[in-house]
Each structure stands twice: as C-alpha cells, then as structure tokens.
Amino acid sequence: MEKKNSVYIGTSLDGFIADKNGGLDWLDAVPNPDNDDMGYTEFMTRIDALVMGRNTFEVVCGFDIEWPYQKPVFVLSNSMAAIPEKYHDKAILVKGPLKEVLSEIHEQGFHRLYVDGGKTIQSFLQEDLIDEMTITIIPFLLGDGIPLFDGLPERLLFECVDTKIALGSVVQNRFVRKR
C-alpha cells in the first residue's frame, strides 16, 4: 500500500498556526454562517490515522467537545509518560526516532497519515517525510506566535496542485512534494 504523510492546517497570513499564547480564536475571524469545513471531511476520508504531537494532543483534550476523531490517533512524545486514563481508548503514545515510529505505525496497517501539530510537522519536514500539505490561510496578521515552518536543513520543493477561495477571503492551497 502507498505510504503518504499529509498535513491539513490553518495559518495566519503571516504563517503562524497559533498566537504567542497558543491561542486559536483568530481561526474563527472570518464569518462562516454555513459551517463550511473547507474540505476537512473529504480529507479525513483519505487518511487511515493521525500522528500529532503532545502539545496538539493537549490542546484537543482541552476543547469542550466530544473526542473529534473517528480514526486512530498516535501521539508523538518523548516526554509524556502515558496517555491520560480518560483518553486510553482514543490515543496511542509513540516514542522514538520518526522513521522507527512510522515503521511501527505502518506495521499496524496505517499508511496514509495525517500529521498535525507545529513541532511534529516541522520534525517530519526536517526528515523530508511530508508528501502533501493543505494549508488554509486565514487573512489575519498575528505578528507573532507559533510558526508553521522553522529550521529546515535543506530546501524542499513542493508544487501547488490546487487553490480554492472560501468564505470570500480564506485561501486554501494544496501542495505536493516534488522529489
């Protein structure tokens, strides 16, 4: 089976995925009266499992909603001792070098992965392990915050294969890695 690591994420116009305090309220800056999910549901049909970092996992756990994922969630963390009891049936803790972690996940039958979380995405990019990125740009300047991209050891070429405008001002680009 084809192995594919995909990113689906929103950024501010200046490239941040959260404000300097980790806040995400700006993601709702553009009114969305029809609750357009901008392709998220369709994207989720193309993945087998999620790989997210500890920080993203903790943010999701802090939302005042039911667990939002129907697919297996692997939490990548070398500092977390265990998944909290409340989420034992929702997430699996994985540790170690990325290529070993991916091998472990693939052995379990999961090959099309949604990679989420700033540091996790950056780690995957540093090892050239991202095949596709869907980046939704919210026309909001934060000025500071948690960047999507940081510290690549070499240049990585991606090709823009699709661009959409939603809600009159939100731009969504889909990029595929050119190897």
N, C-alpha and C. Protein backbone atom coordinates (compact mmCIF):
# COMPACT_ATOMS: atom_id res chain seq x y z
N MET A 1 0.84 -1.19 0.00
CA MET A 1 0.00 0.00 0.00
C MET A 1 0.89 1.25 0.00
N GLU A 2 0.41 2.28 -0.71
CA GLU A 2 1.13 3.55 -0.78
C GLU A 2 1.19 4.19 0.60
N LYS A 3 2.37 4.64 0.98
CA LYS A 3 2.54 5.36 2.23
C LYS A 3 2.52 6.85 1.92
N LYS A 4 1.73 7.60 2.69
CA LYS A 4 1.60 9.02 2.43
C LYS A 4 1.39 9.76 3.74
N ASN A 5 2.18 10.80 3.94
CA ASN A 5 2.06 11.65 5.13
C ASN A 5 1.55 13.00 4.68
N SER A 6 0.38 13.39 5.19
CA SER A 6 -0.28 14.62 4.77
C SER A 6 -0.50 15.58 5.92
N VAL A 7 -0.44 16.86 5.59
CA VAL A 7 -0.71 17.93 6.55
C VAL A 7 -1.98 18.63 6.11
N TYR A 8 -2.85 18.97 7.05
CA TYR A 8 -4.03 19.79 6.80
C TYR A 8 -4.09 20.77 7.96
N ILE A 9 -3.80 22.04 7.67
CA ILE A 9 -3.65 23.00 8.77
C ILE A 9 -4.03 24.41 8.33
N GLY A 10 -4.42 25.22 9.30
CA GLY A 10 -4.70 26.62 9.06
C GLY A 10 -3.57 27.47 9.59
N THR A 11 -3.27 28.55 8.85
CA THR A 11 -2.25 29.50 9.30
C THR A 11 -2.79 30.91 9.18
N SER A 12 -2.16 31.80 9.91
CA SER A 12 -2.45 33.22 9.74
C SER A 12 -1.77 33.66 8.45
N LEU A 13 -2.09 34.84 8.01
CA LEU A 13 -1.49 35.39 6.79
C LEU A 13 0.03 35.48 6.92
N ASP A 14 0.52 35.67 8.15
CA ASP A 14 1.97 35.75 8.36
C ASP A 14 2.58 34.42 8.81
N GLY A 15 1.87 33.32 8.60
CA GLY A 15 2.46 31.99 8.74
C GLY A 15 2.46 31.35 10.11
N PHE A 16 1.62 31.84 11.02
CA PHE A 16 1.56 31.26 12.37
C PHE A 16 0.36 30.32 12.50
N ILE A 17 0.53 29.25 13.27
CA ILE A 17 -0.56 28.30 13.49
C ILE A 17 -1.27 28.53 14.82
N ALA A 18 -0.69 29.38 15.65
CA ALA A 18 -1.30 29.78 16.93
C ALA A 18 -0.68 31.11 17.32
N ASP A 19 -1.37 31.86 18.16
CA ASP A 19 -0.79 33.13 18.60
C ASP A 19 0.31 32.85 19.64
N LYS A 20 0.95 33.90 20.13
CA LYS A 20 2.10 33.69 21.03
C LYS A 20 1.73 33.00 22.34
N ASN A 21 0.43 32.98 22.69
CA ASN A 21 -0.03 32.29 23.89
C ASN A 21 -0.64 30.93 23.57
N GLY A 22 -0.51 30.50 22.31
CA GLY A 22 -1.08 29.24 21.89
C GLY A 22 -2.54 29.34 21.49
N GLY A 23 -3.09 30.56 21.50
CA GLY A 23 -4.50 30.76 21.18
C GLY A 23 -4.84 30.51 19.73
N LEU A 24 -6.08 30.04 19.52
CA LEU A 24 -6.57 29.71 18.18
C LEU A 24 -7.84 30.48 17.81
N ASP A 25 -8.27 31.42 18.65
CA ASP A 25 -9.54 32.11 18.41
C ASP A 25 -9.56 32.85 17.08
N TRP A 26 -8.43 33.30 16.59
CA TRP A 26 -8.33 34.01 15.32
C TRP A 26 -8.74 33.14 14.13
N LEU A 27 -8.73 31.81 14.31
CA LEU A 27 -9.15 30.91 13.23
C LEU A 27 -10.61 31.14 12.85
N ASP A 28 -11.37 31.71 13.76
CA ASP A 28 -12.79 32.00 13.51
C ASP A 28 -13.01 33.46 13.13
N ALA A 29 -11.95 34.16 12.70
CA ALA A 29 -12.04 35.59 12.38
C ALA A 29 -12.95 35.86 11.19
N VAL A 30 -13.03 34.93 10.26
CA VAL A 30 -13.88 35.10 9.09
C VAL A 30 -15.22 34.42 9.36
N PRO A 31 -16.32 35.16 9.25
CA PRO A 31 -17.63 34.55 9.48
C PRO A 31 -17.86 33.34 8.57
N ASN A 32 -18.44 32.29 9.15
CA ASN A 32 -18.71 31.06 8.41
C ASN A 32 -20.13 30.59 8.75
N PRO A 33 -21.13 31.34 8.28
CA PRO A 33 -22.52 31.05 8.70
C PRO A 33 -23.02 29.67 8.27
N ASP A 34 -22.47 29.10 7.20
CA ASP A 34 -22.92 27.78 6.74
C ASP A 34 -22.04 26.64 7.27
N ASN A 35 -21.09 26.97 8.16
CA ASN A 35 -20.17 25.98 8.73
C ASN A 35 -19.45 25.17 7.65
N ASP A 36 -18.94 25.86 6.64
CA ASP A 36 -18.15 25.24 5.57
C ASP A 36 -16.90 24.64 6.20
N ASP A 37 -16.68 23.34 6.05
CA ASP A 37 -15.50 22.71 6.65
C ASP A 37 -14.28 22.78 5.72
N MET A 38 -14.42 23.42 4.61
CA MET A 38 -13.34 23.67 3.66
C MET A 38 -12.59 22.41 3.26
N GLY A 39 -13.31 21.33 3.10
CA GLY A 39 -12.71 20.09 2.61
C GLY A 39 -12.18 19.16 3.68
N TYR A 40 -12.31 19.52 4.94
CA TYR A 40 -11.75 18.69 6.02
C TYR A 40 -12.37 17.29 6.04
N THR A 41 -13.69 17.21 5.93
CA THR A 41 -14.37 15.90 5.98
C THR A 41 -13.87 15.02 4.84
N GLU A 42 -13.76 15.58 3.65
CA GLU A 42 -13.28 14.82 2.49
C GLU A 42 -11.82 14.40 2.71
N PHE A 43 -11.01 15.31 3.25
CA PHE A 43 -9.61 15.00 3.55
C PHE A 43 -9.53 13.80 4.51
N MET A 44 -10.36 13.80 5.54
CA MET A 44 -10.33 12.74 6.54
C MET A 44 -10.69 11.37 5.94
N THR A 45 -11.42 11.34 4.84
CA THR A 45 -11.75 10.05 4.20
C THR A 45 -10.52 9.44 3.52
N ARG A 46 -9.49 10.27 3.28
CA ARG A 46 -8.29 9.80 2.58
C ARG A 46 -7.16 9.40 3.53
N ILE A 47 -7.41 9.43 4.84
CA ILE A 47 -6.35 9.06 5.78
C ILE A 47 -6.78 7.86 6.62
N ASP A 48 -5.77 7.13 7.14
CA ASP A 48 -6.02 5.96 7.98
C ASP A 48 -5.91 6.29 9.47
N ALA A 49 -5.02 7.24 9.79
CA ALA A 49 -4.74 7.54 11.20
C ALA A 49 -4.10 8.93 11.29
N LEU A 50 -4.03 9.44 12.51
CA LEU A 50 -3.40 10.73 12.77
C LEU A 50 -2.14 10.53 13.59
N VAL A 51 -1.16 11.38 13.33
CA VAL A 51 0.04 11.46 14.17
C VAL A 51 0.11 12.91 14.61
N MET A 52 0.03 13.13 15.91
CA MET A 52 0.10 14.50 16.42
C MET A 52 1.06 14.57 17.59
N GLY A 53 1.58 15.76 17.80
CA GLY A 53 2.49 15.98 18.91
C GLY A 53 1.74 16.12 20.22
N ARG A 54 2.49 16.06 21.30
CA ARG A 54 1.92 16.17 22.64
C ARG A 54 1.17 17.49 22.83
N ASN A 55 1.76 18.61 22.39
CA ASN A 55 1.09 19.91 22.57
C ASN A 55 -0.26 19.94 21.88
N THR A 56 -0.31 19.46 20.64
CA THR A 56 -1.58 19.44 19.91
C THR A 56 -2.58 18.52 20.60
N PHE A 57 -2.12 17.37 21.04
CA PHE A 57 -2.99 16.43 21.77
C PHE A 57 -3.58 17.12 23.00
N GLU A 58 -2.76 17.83 23.76
CA GLU A 58 -3.24 18.51 24.96
C GLU A 58 -4.24 19.61 24.62
N VAL A 59 -4.02 20.32 23.50
CA VAL A 59 -4.97 21.35 23.07
C VAL A 59 -6.31 20.69 22.73
N VAL A 60 -6.28 19.60 21.96
CA VAL A 60 -7.51 18.89 21.58
C VAL A 60 -8.23 18.38 22.83
N CYS A 61 -7.49 17.85 23.77
CA CYS A 61 -8.11 17.35 25.02
C CYS A 61 -8.75 18.48 25.81
N GLY A 62 -8.27 19.70 25.63
CA GLY A 62 -8.80 20.85 26.35
C GLY A 62 -10.04 21.47 25.74
N PHE A 63 -10.38 21.06 24.49
CA PHE A 63 -11.60 21.56 23.87
C PHE A 63 -12.81 21.04 24.64
N ASP A 64 -13.83 21.85 24.73
CA ASP A 64 -15.05 21.44 25.43
C ASP A 64 -16.00 20.75 24.45
N ILE A 65 -15.51 19.63 23.88
CA ILE A 65 -16.29 18.87 22.89
C ILE A 65 -16.01 17.38 23.10
N GLU A 66 -16.82 16.55 22.45
CA GLU A 66 -16.54 15.12 22.44
C GLU A 66 -15.26 14.89 21.64
N TRP A 67 -14.61 13.76 21.84
CA TRP A 67 -13.40 13.43 21.08
C TRP A 67 -13.71 13.56 19.59
N PRO A 68 -12.96 14.37 18.84
CA PRO A 68 -13.34 14.70 17.47
C PRO A 68 -12.90 13.71 16.38
N TYR A 69 -12.17 12.66 16.75
CA TYR A 69 -11.62 11.78 15.71
C TYR A 69 -12.24 10.39 15.74
N GLN A 70 -12.51 9.87 14.56
CA GLN A 70 -13.03 8.51 14.42
C GLN A 70 -11.93 7.54 14.03
N LYS A 71 -10.75 8.06 13.75
CA LYS A 71 -9.61 7.25 13.32
C LYS A 71 -8.59 7.18 14.45
N PRO A 72 -7.71 6.18 14.40
CA PRO A 72 -6.67 6.08 15.44
C PRO A 72 -5.80 7.33 15.50
N VAL A 73 -5.44 7.72 16.70
CA VAL A 73 -4.58 8.88 16.92
C VAL A 73 -3.32 8.41 17.63
N PHE A 74 -2.18 8.67 17.01
CA PHE A 74 -0.88 8.37 17.61
C PHE A 74 -0.30 9.68 18.11
N VAL A 75 0.04 9.73 19.39
CA VAL A 75 0.60 10.93 20.00
C VAL A 75 2.11 10.74 20.09
N LEU A 76 2.83 11.58 19.37
CA LEU A 76 4.28 11.51 19.32
C LEU A 76 4.86 12.37 20.43
N SER A 77 5.50 11.72 21.40
CA SER A 77 6.08 12.46 22.52
C SER A 77 7.18 11.64 23.17
N ASN A 78 8.32 12.28 23.36
CA ASN A 78 9.40 11.63 24.09
C ASN A 78 9.39 12.03 25.57
N SER A 79 8.49 12.98 25.93
CA SER A 79 8.44 13.43 27.33
C SER A 79 7.20 12.94 28.07
N MET A 80 6.15 12.58 27.36
CA MET A 80 4.92 12.12 28.01
C MET A 80 5.12 10.68 28.50
N ALA A 81 4.74 10.41 29.74
CA ALA A 81 4.90 9.06 30.29
C ALA A 81 3.80 8.12 29.83
N ALA A 82 2.57 8.64 29.72
CA ALA A 82 1.44 7.81 29.33
C ALA A 82 0.30 8.71 28.86
N ILE A 83 -0.59 8.12 28.09
CA ILE A 83 -1.81 8.82 27.68
C ILE A 83 -2.72 8.89 28.92
N PRO A 84 -3.32 10.06 29.20
CA PRO A 84 -4.22 10.14 30.36
C PRO A 84 -5.33 9.09 30.27
N GLU A 85 -5.71 8.56 31.42
CA GLU A 85 -6.71 7.48 31.51
C GLU A 85 -7.96 7.77 30.68
N LYS A 86 -8.45 8.98 30.72
CA LYS A 86 -9.67 9.36 30.02
C LYS A 86 -9.57 9.13 28.50
N TYR A 87 -8.33 9.10 27.97
CA TYR A 87 -8.12 9.00 26.52
C TYR A 87 -7.44 7.70 26.10
N HIS A 88 -7.37 6.72 27.02
CA HIS A 88 -6.70 5.44 26.71
C HIS A 88 -7.28 4.76 25.48
N ASP A 89 -8.58 4.85 25.29
CA ASP A 89 -9.20 4.20 24.14
C ASP A 89 -9.26 5.12 22.91
N LYS A 90 -8.69 6.31 23.03
CA LYS A 90 -8.73 7.29 21.95
C LYS A 90 -7.38 7.53 21.29
N ALA A 91 -6.29 7.34 22.02
CA ALA A 91 -4.97 7.69 21.51
C ALA A 91 -3.92 6.70 21.98
N ILE A 92 -2.86 6.60 21.19
CA ILE A 92 -1.76 5.68 21.47
C ILE A 92 -0.47 6.50 21.52
N LEU A 93 0.29 6.35 22.58
CA LEU A 93 1.55 7.05 22.73
C LEU A 93 2.64 6.35 21.92
N VAL A 94 3.39 7.13 21.12
CA VAL A 94 4.53 6.59 20.38
C VAL A 94 5.75 7.46 20.66
N LYS A 95 6.91 6.80 20.75
CA LYS A 95 8.15 7.49 21.10
C LYS A 95 9.28 6.99 20.22
N GLY A 96 10.29 7.85 20.09
CA GLY A 96 11.48 7.43 19.39
C GLY A 96 11.72 8.19 18.09
N PRO A 97 12.76 7.78 17.36
CA PRO A 97 13.06 8.43 16.08
C PRO A 97 11.88 8.27 15.10
N LEU A 98 11.63 9.31 14.32
CA LEU A 98 10.46 9.32 13.44
C LEU A 98 10.37 8.12 12.52
N LYS A 99 11.46 7.75 11.90
CA LYS A 99 11.39 6.64 10.95
C LYS A 99 11.02 5.33 11.66
N GLU A 100 11.47 5.14 12.90
CA GLU A 100 11.09 3.96 13.67
C GLU A 100 9.61 4.02 14.05
N VAL A 101 9.16 5.20 14.46
CA VAL A 101 7.75 5.38 14.82
C VAL A 101 6.87 5.10 13.61
N LEU A 102 7.25 5.63 12.45
CA LEU A 102 6.46 5.39 11.23
C LEU A 102 6.44 3.92 10.88
N SER A 103 7.55 3.24 11.03
CA SER A 103 7.61 1.81 10.75
C SER A 103 6.63 1.05 11.67
N GLU A 104 6.62 1.43 12.94
CA GLU A 104 5.72 0.83 13.92
C GLU A 104 4.25 1.06 13.53
N ILE A 105 3.92 2.28 13.12
CA ILE A 105 2.54 2.61 12.71
C ILE A 105 2.17 1.85 11.43
N HIS A 106 3.09 1.80 10.48
CA HIS A 106 2.83 1.08 9.23
C HIS A 106 2.60 -0.41 9.48
N GLU A 107 3.36 -0.99 10.42
CA GLU A 107 3.19 -2.41 10.76
C GLU A 107 1.79 -2.70 11.30
N GLN A 108 1.15 -1.68 11.85
CA GLN A 108 -0.21 -1.83 12.37
C GLN A 108 -1.26 -1.64 11.27
N GLY A 109 -0.80 -1.40 10.04
CA GLY A 109 -1.72 -1.29 8.90
C GLY A 109 -2.15 0.12 8.55
N PHE A 110 -1.52 1.13 9.14
CA PHE A 110 -1.87 2.53 8.86
C PHE A 110 -0.79 3.13 7.98
N HIS A 111 -1.18 3.54 6.77
CA HIS A 111 -0.19 4.01 5.79
C HIS A 111 -0.43 5.43 5.31
N ARG A 112 -1.66 5.89 5.38
CA ARG A 112 -1.99 7.25 4.95
C ARG A 112 -2.23 8.07 6.21
N LEU A 113 -1.24 8.88 6.58
CA LEU A 113 -1.26 9.53 7.88
C LEU A 113 -1.48 11.04 7.77
N TYR A 114 -2.27 11.54 8.70
CA TYR A 114 -2.50 12.98 8.87
C TYR A 114 -1.54 13.43 9.96
N VAL A 115 -0.59 14.27 9.61
CA VAL A 115 0.42 14.75 10.54
C VAL A 115 -0.04 16.13 11.04
N ASP A 116 -0.17 16.29 12.36
CA ASP A 116 -0.71 17.52 12.91
C ASP A 116 0.14 18.01 14.08
N GLY A 117 0.23 19.34 14.19
CA GLY A 117 0.97 19.97 15.27
C GLY A 117 2.24 20.60 14.75
N GLY A 118 2.50 21.82 15.17
CA GLY A 118 3.63 22.59 14.66
C GLY A 118 4.97 21.88 14.74
N LYS A 119 5.37 21.47 15.93
CA LYS A 119 6.68 20.83 16.09
C LYS A 119 6.72 19.48 15.37
N THR A 120 5.61 18.78 15.36
CA THR A 120 5.56 17.48 14.69
C THR A 120 5.70 17.66 13.18
N ILE A 121 4.97 18.61 12.62
CA ILE A 121 5.10 18.90 11.19
C ILE A 121 6.53 19.31 10.87
N GLN A 122 7.11 20.18 11.69
CA GLN A 122 8.50 20.61 11.47
C GLN A 122 9.46 19.43 11.52
N SER A 123 9.26 18.53 12.46
CA SER A 123 10.13 17.34 12.57
C SER A 123 10.01 16.46 11.33
N PHE A 124 8.79 16.25 10.85
CA PHE A 124 8.58 15.45 9.63
C PHE A 124 9.25 16.14 8.44
N LEU A 125 9.12 17.46 8.34
CA LEU A 125 9.74 18.19 7.23
C LEU A 125 11.26 18.13 7.31
N GLN A 126 11.81 18.20 8.52
CA GLN A 126 13.27 18.14 8.67
C GLN A 126 13.83 16.83 8.16
N GLU A 127 13.01 15.77 8.19
CA GLU A 127 13.46 14.48 7.68
C GLU A 127 12.84 14.17 6.31
N ASP A 128 12.25 15.19 5.69
CA ASP A 128 11.65 15.07 4.36
C ASP A 128 10.63 13.94 4.31
N LEU A 129 9.70 13.95 5.27
CA LEU A 129 8.70 12.89 5.39
C LEU A 129 7.27 13.37 5.12
N ILE A 130 7.11 14.57 4.57
CA ILE A 130 5.78 15.08 4.23
C ILE A 130 5.60 14.98 2.72
N ASP A 131 4.49 14.36 2.30
CA ASP A 131 4.20 14.18 0.89
C ASP A 131 3.22 15.21 0.34
N GLU A 132 2.36 15.74 1.22
CA GLU A 132 1.31 16.64 0.78
C GLU A 132 0.94 17.58 1.92
N MET A 133 0.66 18.84 1.58
CA MET A 133 0.22 19.81 2.59
C MET A 133 -0.96 20.59 2.05
N THR A 134 -2.03 20.63 2.83
CA THR A 134 -3.16 21.52 2.55
C THR A 134 -3.08 22.61 3.61
N ILE A 135 -2.83 23.82 3.15
CA ILE A 135 -2.64 24.95 4.07
C ILE A 135 -3.74 25.97 3.79
N THR A 136 -4.55 26.22 4.81
CA THR A 136 -5.64 27.18 4.71
C THR A 136 -5.18 28.47 5.38
N ILE A 137 -5.14 29.55 4.59
CA ILE A 137 -4.62 30.83 5.07
C ILE A 137 -5.78 31.73 5.47
N ILE A 138 -5.83 32.07 6.75
CA ILE A 138 -6.84 32.97 7.30
C ILE A 138 -6.26 34.39 7.18
N PRO A 139 -6.99 35.33 6.59
CA PRO A 139 -6.43 36.67 6.35
C PRO A 139 -6.37 37.51 7.63
N PHE A 140 -5.52 37.07 8.52
CA PHE A 140 -5.39 37.69 9.84
C PHE A 140 -3.89 37.74 10.14
N LEU A 141 -3.36 38.90 10.45
CA LEU A 141 -1.95 39.03 10.82
C LEU A 141 -1.83 38.95 12.34
N LEU A 142 -1.06 37.97 12.80
CA LEU A 142 -0.86 37.82 14.24
C LEU A 142 0.36 38.60 14.72
N GLY A 143 1.37 38.75 13.87
CA GLY A 143 2.56 39.48 14.24
C GLY A 143 3.57 38.66 15.03
N ASP A 144 3.11 37.63 15.68
CA ASP A 144 3.98 36.77 16.49
C ASP A 144 3.17 35.51 16.81
N GLY A 145 3.86 34.45 17.14
CA GLY A 145 3.16 33.23 17.50
C GLY A 145 3.98 32.00 17.22
N ILE A 146 3.30 30.90 17.04
CA ILE A 146 3.94 29.61 16.77
C ILE A 146 3.96 29.44 15.25
N PRO A 147 5.17 29.41 14.65
CA PRO A 147 5.26 29.32 13.19
C PRO A 147 4.98 27.90 12.69
N LEU A 148 4.46 27.82 11.47
CA LEU A 148 4.29 26.52 10.85
C LEU A 148 5.64 25.97 10.43
N PHE A 149 6.48 26.81 9.83
CA PHE A 149 7.76 26.34 9.31
C PHE A 149 8.91 26.94 10.09
N ASP A 150 9.94 26.11 10.33
CA ASP A 150 11.11 26.59 11.05
C ASP A 150 12.24 25.58 10.94
N GLY A 151 13.43 26.04 10.66
CA GLY A 151 14.64 25.23 10.79
C GLY A 151 14.80 24.03 9.87
N LEU A 152 14.61 24.21 8.57
CA LEU A 152 14.85 23.09 7.66
C LEU A 152 16.34 22.98 7.33
N PRO A 153 16.88 21.77 7.31
CA PRO A 153 18.29 21.60 6.99
C PRO A 153 18.60 21.80 5.50
N GLU A 154 17.56 21.67 4.67
CA GLU A 154 17.74 21.87 3.22
C GLU A 154 16.42 22.30 2.62
N ARG A 155 16.49 22.81 1.41
CA ARG A 155 15.27 23.25 0.72
C ARG A 155 14.46 22.04 0.28
N LEU A 156 13.14 22.18 0.35
CA LEU A 156 12.22 21.14 -0.10
C LEU A 156 11.29 21.78 -1.13
N LEU A 157 11.17 21.19 -2.30
CA LEU A 157 10.33 21.72 -3.36
C LEU A 157 8.96 21.06 -3.33
N PHE A 158 7.93 21.88 -3.28
CA PHE A 158 6.55 21.42 -3.37
C PHE A 158 5.91 22.10 -4.58
N GLU A 159 4.91 21.45 -5.15
CA GLU A 159 4.16 22.01 -6.27
C GLU A 159 2.73 22.28 -5.80
N CYS A 160 2.21 23.47 -6.10
CA CYS A 160 0.83 23.79 -5.78
C CYS A 160 -0.05 23.14 -6.83
N VAL A 161 -0.92 22.20 -6.39
CA VAL A 161 -1.76 21.46 -7.33
C VAL A 161 -3.23 21.90 -7.27
N ASP A 162 -3.56 22.75 -6.28
CA ASP A 162 -4.94 23.22 -6.18
C ASP A 162 -4.98 24.45 -5.28
N THR A 163 -5.81 25.41 -5.66
CA THR A 163 -6.06 26.60 -4.85
C THR A 163 -7.55 26.88 -4.87
N LYS A 164 -8.09 27.16 -3.70
CA LYS A 164 -9.52 27.50 -3.58
C LYS A 164 -9.66 28.73 -2.70
N ILE A 165 -10.68 29.50 -2.97
CA ILE A 165 -11.03 30.62 -2.10
C ILE A 165 -12.37 30.28 -1.45
N ALA A 166 -12.41 30.38 -0.14
CA ALA A 166 -13.64 30.07 0.60
C ALA A 166 -14.04 31.29 1.42
N LEU A 167 -15.30 31.40 1.67
CA LEU A 167 -15.85 32.46 2.52
C LEU A 167 -15.45 33.85 2.04
N GLY A 168 -15.09 33.96 0.79
CA GLY A 168 -14.76 35.25 0.19
C GLY A 168 -13.38 35.78 0.51
N SER A 169 -12.64 35.13 1.44
CA SER A 169 -11.33 35.68 1.79
C SER A 169 -10.32 34.66 2.34
N VAL A 170 -10.73 33.43 2.50
CA VAL A 170 -9.84 32.39 3.01
C VAL A 170 -9.27 31.64 1.81
N VAL A 171 -7.95 31.51 1.77
CA VAL A 171 -7.30 30.84 0.64
C VAL A 171 -6.76 29.49 1.09
N GLN A 172 -7.11 28.46 0.34
CA GLN A 172 -6.62 27.11 0.67
C GLN A 172 -5.78 26.61 -0.50
N ASN A 173 -4.54 26.26 -0.19
CA ASN A 173 -3.61 25.73 -1.18
C ASN A 173 -3.26 24.29 -0.84
N ARG A 174 -3.20 23.46 -1.87
CA ARG A 174 -2.74 22.08 -1.67
C ARG A 174 -1.44 21.91 -2.43
N PHE A 175 -0.41 21.48 -1.70
CA PHE A 175 0.92 21.30 -2.25
C PHE A 175 1.32 19.84 -2.19
N VAL A 176 2.02 19.37 -3.22
CA VAL A 176 2.53 18.00 -3.28
C VAL A 176 4.04 18.07 -3.41
N ARG A 177 4.72 17.23 -2.64
CA ARG A 177 6.18 17.21 -2.63
C ARG A 177 6.70 16.73 -3.98
N LYS A 178 7.63 17.50 -4.55
CA LYS A 178 8.31 17.14 -5.79
C LYS A 178 9.64 16.50 -5.41
N ARG A 179 9.81 15.26 -5.78
CA ARG A 179 11.05 14.54 -5.44
C ARG A 179 11.84 14.25 -6.69
